[in-house]
Protein backbone atom coordinates (compact mmCIF):
# COMPACT_ATOMS: atom_id res chain seq x y z
CA MET A 1 67.60 89.34 93.75
CA THR A 2 70.33 91.80 94.72
CA ARG A 3 73.15 90.29 96.75
CA SER A 4 74.36 93.42 98.48
CA ALA A 5 74.65 94.92 101.93
CA ARG A 6 75.54 98.12 103.70
CA ILE A 7 76.98 97.96 107.19
CA GLN A 8 77.50 101.03 109.35
CA ARG A 9 79.31 100.62 112.65
CA LYS A 10 80.12 103.31 115.19
CA THR A 11 82.03 102.81 118.44
CA HIS A 12 84.28 104.99 120.59
CA GLU A 13 87.17 103.66 118.49
CA THR A 14 85.90 103.67 114.90
CA ALA A 15 83.17 104.91 112.56
CA ILE A 16 82.78 102.70 109.48
CA ASP A 17 80.57 102.72 106.41
CA LEU A 18 80.99 99.62 104.23
CA VAL A 19 79.02 98.76 101.08
CA LEU A 20 79.35 95.34 99.41
CA ASP A 21 77.82 94.06 96.19
CA LEU A 22 78.65 90.48 95.23
CA ASP A 23 77.48 90.86 91.62
CA GLN A 24 78.26 94.43 90.56
CA PRO A 25 82.02 95.12 90.54
CA VAL A 26 81.72 98.85 91.14
CA ALA A 27 84.89 100.41 92.53
CA GLY A 28 83.94 102.74 95.36
CA GLU A 29 86.17 104.68 97.73
CA ILE A 30 88.43 102.74 100.08
CA LYS A 31 89.87 104.78 102.95
CA THR A 32 90.85 102.75 105.99
CA GLY A 33 93.58 104.89 107.57
CA SER A 34 96.26 102.58 106.18
CA GLY A 35 97.52 102.89 102.63
CA PHE A 36 98.61 99.25 102.68
CA LEU A 37 95.21 97.98 103.87
CA ASP A 38 93.55 100.19 101.23
CA HIS A 39 95.70 98.44 98.63
CA MET A 40 94.80 94.96 99.94
CA LEU A 41 91.05 95.71 99.96
CA ASP A 42 91.31 97.11 96.43
CA LEU A 43 92.96 93.82 95.37
CA LEU A 44 90.19 91.90 97.17
CA ARG A 45 87.38 93.61 95.31
CA LYS A 46 89.16 93.38 91.96
CA HIS A 47 89.99 89.68 92.21
CA ALA A 48 86.63 88.73 93.75
CA GLY A 49 84.80 90.66 91.03
CA MET A 50 82.64 92.44 93.57
CA GLY A 51 81.74 95.98 94.47
CA LEU A 52 83.26 97.27 97.68
CA SER A 53 83.56 100.66 99.30
CA VAL A 54 84.90 101.29 102.80
CA THR A 55 85.42 104.46 104.78
CA CYS A 56 86.79 104.25 108.28
CA HIS A 57 87.57 107.01 110.74
CA GLY A 58 89.47 105.33 113.53
CA ASP A 59 91.92 105.91 116.36
CA THR A 60 94.93 105.42 114.11
CA HIS A 61 96.97 107.71 116.37
CA ILE A 62 97.13 104.60 118.60
CA ASP A 63 97.62 101.98 115.87
CA MET A 64 95.57 100.16 113.21
CA HIS A 65 94.24 97.42 115.49
CA HIS A 66 90.73 98.77 116.08
CA SER A 67 90.26 99.99 112.51
CA SER A 68 91.41 96.79 110.81
CA GLU A 69 89.39 94.60 113.20
CA ASP A 70 86.20 96.62 112.87
CA ILE A 71 86.49 96.78 109.06
CA ALA A 72 86.83 92.99 109.05
CA ILE A 73 83.77 92.66 111.30
CA CYS A 74 81.77 94.83 108.90
CA LEU A 75 83.01 92.90 105.86
CA GLY A 76 82.05 89.58 107.46
CA GLU A 77 78.60 90.90 108.43
CA ALA A 78 78.11 92.27 104.91
CA LEU A 79 79.01 88.91 103.37
CA ALA A 80 76.54 87.10 105.63
CA GLN A 81 73.78 89.60 104.87
CA ALA A 82 74.40 89.66 101.10
CA LEU A 83 74.41 85.85 100.87
CA GLY A 84 71.14 85.47 102.77
CA ASP A 85 69.96 81.84 102.79
CA LYS A 86 72.76 80.84 100.35
CA VAL A 87 70.39 79.13 97.94
CA GLY A 88 72.09 78.26 94.66
CA ILE A 89 75.71 79.04 95.57
CA GLU A 90 78.75 76.80 95.20
CA ARG A 91 79.45 77.15 98.95
CA TYR A 92 83.09 75.97 98.78
CA GLY A 93 86.02 77.90 97.35
CA PHE A 94 89.75 77.32 97.10
CA TYR A 95 92.60 79.00 95.30
CA TYR A 96 96.37 79.01 95.04
CA VAL A 97 98.07 82.29 94.13
CA THR A 98 101.71 82.85 93.34
CA MET A 99 103.01 86.33 94.00
CA ASP A 100 106.53 86.24 92.65
CA GLU A 101 108.50 84.07 95.12
CA CYS A 102 105.52 83.56 97.47
CA LEU A 103 102.77 80.95 97.26
CA ALA A 104 99.47 81.31 99.15
CA ARG A 105 96.55 78.91 99.47
CA VAL A 106 93.08 79.75 100.78
CA CYS A 107 90.24 77.26 101.25
CA LEU A 108 86.83 78.28 102.56
CA ASP A 109 83.35 76.94 103.23
CA LEU A 110 80.33 79.21 103.64
CA SER A 111 78.92 76.64 106.03
CA GLY A 112 77.29 78.82 108.67
CA ARG A 113 79.85 77.41 111.12
CA ILE A 114 82.95 79.25 112.26
CA ALA A 115 86.41 77.74 111.98
CA PHE A 116 89.70 79.51 111.33
CA VAL A 117 93.14 78.07 110.63
CA TRP A 118 96.08 80.43 110.01
CA ASN A 119 99.52 79.31 108.94
CA ALA A 120 101.25 82.38 107.55
CA PRO A 121 104.46 83.60 109.17
CA PHE A 122 105.79 86.94 107.93
CA SER A 123 109.38 88.17 108.03
CA LEU A 124 108.47 91.83 108.67
CA ALA A 125 106.52 93.09 111.69
CA GLN A 126 105.04 96.10 109.90
CA ILE A 127 104.25 97.45 106.43
CA GLY A 128 103.47 101.14 106.44
CA ASN A 129 101.39 101.71 109.56
CA LEU A 130 99.90 98.20 109.56
CA ASP A 131 101.31 95.61 111.96
CA THR A 132 101.49 92.39 109.96
CA GLU A 133 100.15 90.38 112.92
CA LEU A 134 96.85 92.17 112.25
CA VAL A 135 96.46 90.39 108.89
CA GLY A 136 95.64 87.08 110.55
CA HIS A 137 93.34 88.86 112.99
CA PHE A 138 91.61 90.56 110.05
CA PHE A 139 90.81 87.26 108.38
CA ARG A 140 89.73 85.66 111.68
CA SER A 141 87.25 88.51 112.21
CA VAL A 142 85.90 88.14 108.66
CA ALA A 143 85.44 84.39 109.17
CA GLU A 144 83.71 84.81 112.54
CA ASN A 145 81.25 87.41 111.28
CA ALA A 146 80.57 85.74 107.91
CA LYS A 147 80.21 82.40 109.73
CA MET A 148 82.59 80.58 107.45
CA ASN A 149 85.32 77.98 107.69
CA LEU A 150 88.52 79.66 106.51
CA HIS A 151 91.95 78.06 106.14
CA VAL A 152 94.88 80.27 105.10
CA ASP A 153 98.34 78.87 104.37
CA LEU A 154 101.44 80.67 103.19
CA LEU A 155 103.14 77.70 101.56
CA ARG A 156 106.21 79.63 100.46
CA GLY A 157 107.25 82.97 101.92
CA GLY A 158 109.68 85.74 101.11
CA ASN A 159 108.90 89.42 100.72
CA THR A 160 106.18 90.23 103.27
CA HIS A 161 104.28 92.55 100.92
CA HIS A 162 104.19 89.79 98.31
CA ALA A 163 103.08 87.21 100.88
CA ILE A 164 100.17 89.28 102.18
CA GLU A 165 99.15 90.30 98.68
CA GLY A 166 99.10 86.64 97.63
CA ILE A 167 96.87 85.79 100.60
CA PHE A 168 94.38 88.57 99.82
CA LYS A 169 94.24 87.56 96.15
CA ALA A 170 93.80 83.88 97.02
CA PHE A 171 91.01 84.77 99.47
CA ALA A 172 89.32 86.93 96.82
CA ARG A 173 89.42 84.18 94.20
CA ALA A 174 88.26 81.49 96.65
CA LEU A 175 85.40 83.75 97.76
CA ALA A 176 84.40 84.42 94.15
CA MET A 177 84.22 80.66 93.58
CA ALA A 178 82.17 80.02 96.72
CA VAL A 179 79.54 82.71 96.07
CA SER A 180 79.13 81.87 92.38
CA PRO A 181 76.03 80.02 91.10
CA SER A 182 76.26 76.29 91.68
CA ARG A 183 76.89 74.20 88.58
CA ARG A 184 75.38 71.00 89.96
CA VAL A 185 73.50 71.47 93.25
CA ALA A 186 70.01 72.99 93.30
CA GLY A 187 68.73 74.88 96.33
CA VAL A 188 70.74 75.12 99.52
CA PRO A 189 74.04 73.23 99.10
CA SER A 190 73.62 71.11 102.25
CA THR A 191 71.80 67.92 103.13
CA LYS A 192 70.60 69.73 106.29
CA GLY A 193 68.63 72.12 104.10
CA SER A 194 70.09 75.20 105.78
CA LEU A 195 73.43 77.02 105.99
CA VAL A 196 72.42 79.83 108.34
C-alpha cells in the first residue's frame, strides 16, 4: 500500500501544491517564497527519509505568515492522509539533535488527538524574510492538521539558524521513527483499536 498524498489548497492568500510520500525519498521542488523555509523543508525531507515537494504562490509582499501557515496545514493534512488508519506503525517518535551549540528535542505521538507544547525561544526575530515567531506557528499547524501530540523543546540555544535547524531535524527524525513499521505491536497501536 502506498503511503502518499497530494494536497492542493487555494485561497485568496496562497496557492499550494504539496506532494508527500512517506516511503519513497524522492526530492521534488521546494519553493515556498522563503529561501530559509525552503532550506528547512529540504532538511525535513532528507532527515525523515521521505519524498516531499512543495510549491507555494503566496502574498509574500505582505510577509510569510499566510504562506508558512498554509504550507503547514497542507503538510499536516498530507501526513494524516498518507498514514490512513495507522495500522502497523510505531506511533511514537522522539529525537534529540545537536546543531553545534544548540540542542533540540522533539517528542510526538500520532494519536489522532491534538496537543502542542512549544518551548523554543530564539534570539533573532527574523532570518531572511521569515519571522522566527512563525516557526512555532508552523509546527502548531502541522500538529493540528495531522492530529498529533507534538512537544518541541530547545534545550540549549545560541545561533537562531542553528536552533531552528536543530528543531526541524529533530522533528524529521522523530517523525521517521513514528511512521516506521512497528517492531512489537500488531495492528493499530492502541488498545482503543483506532487512532483516527
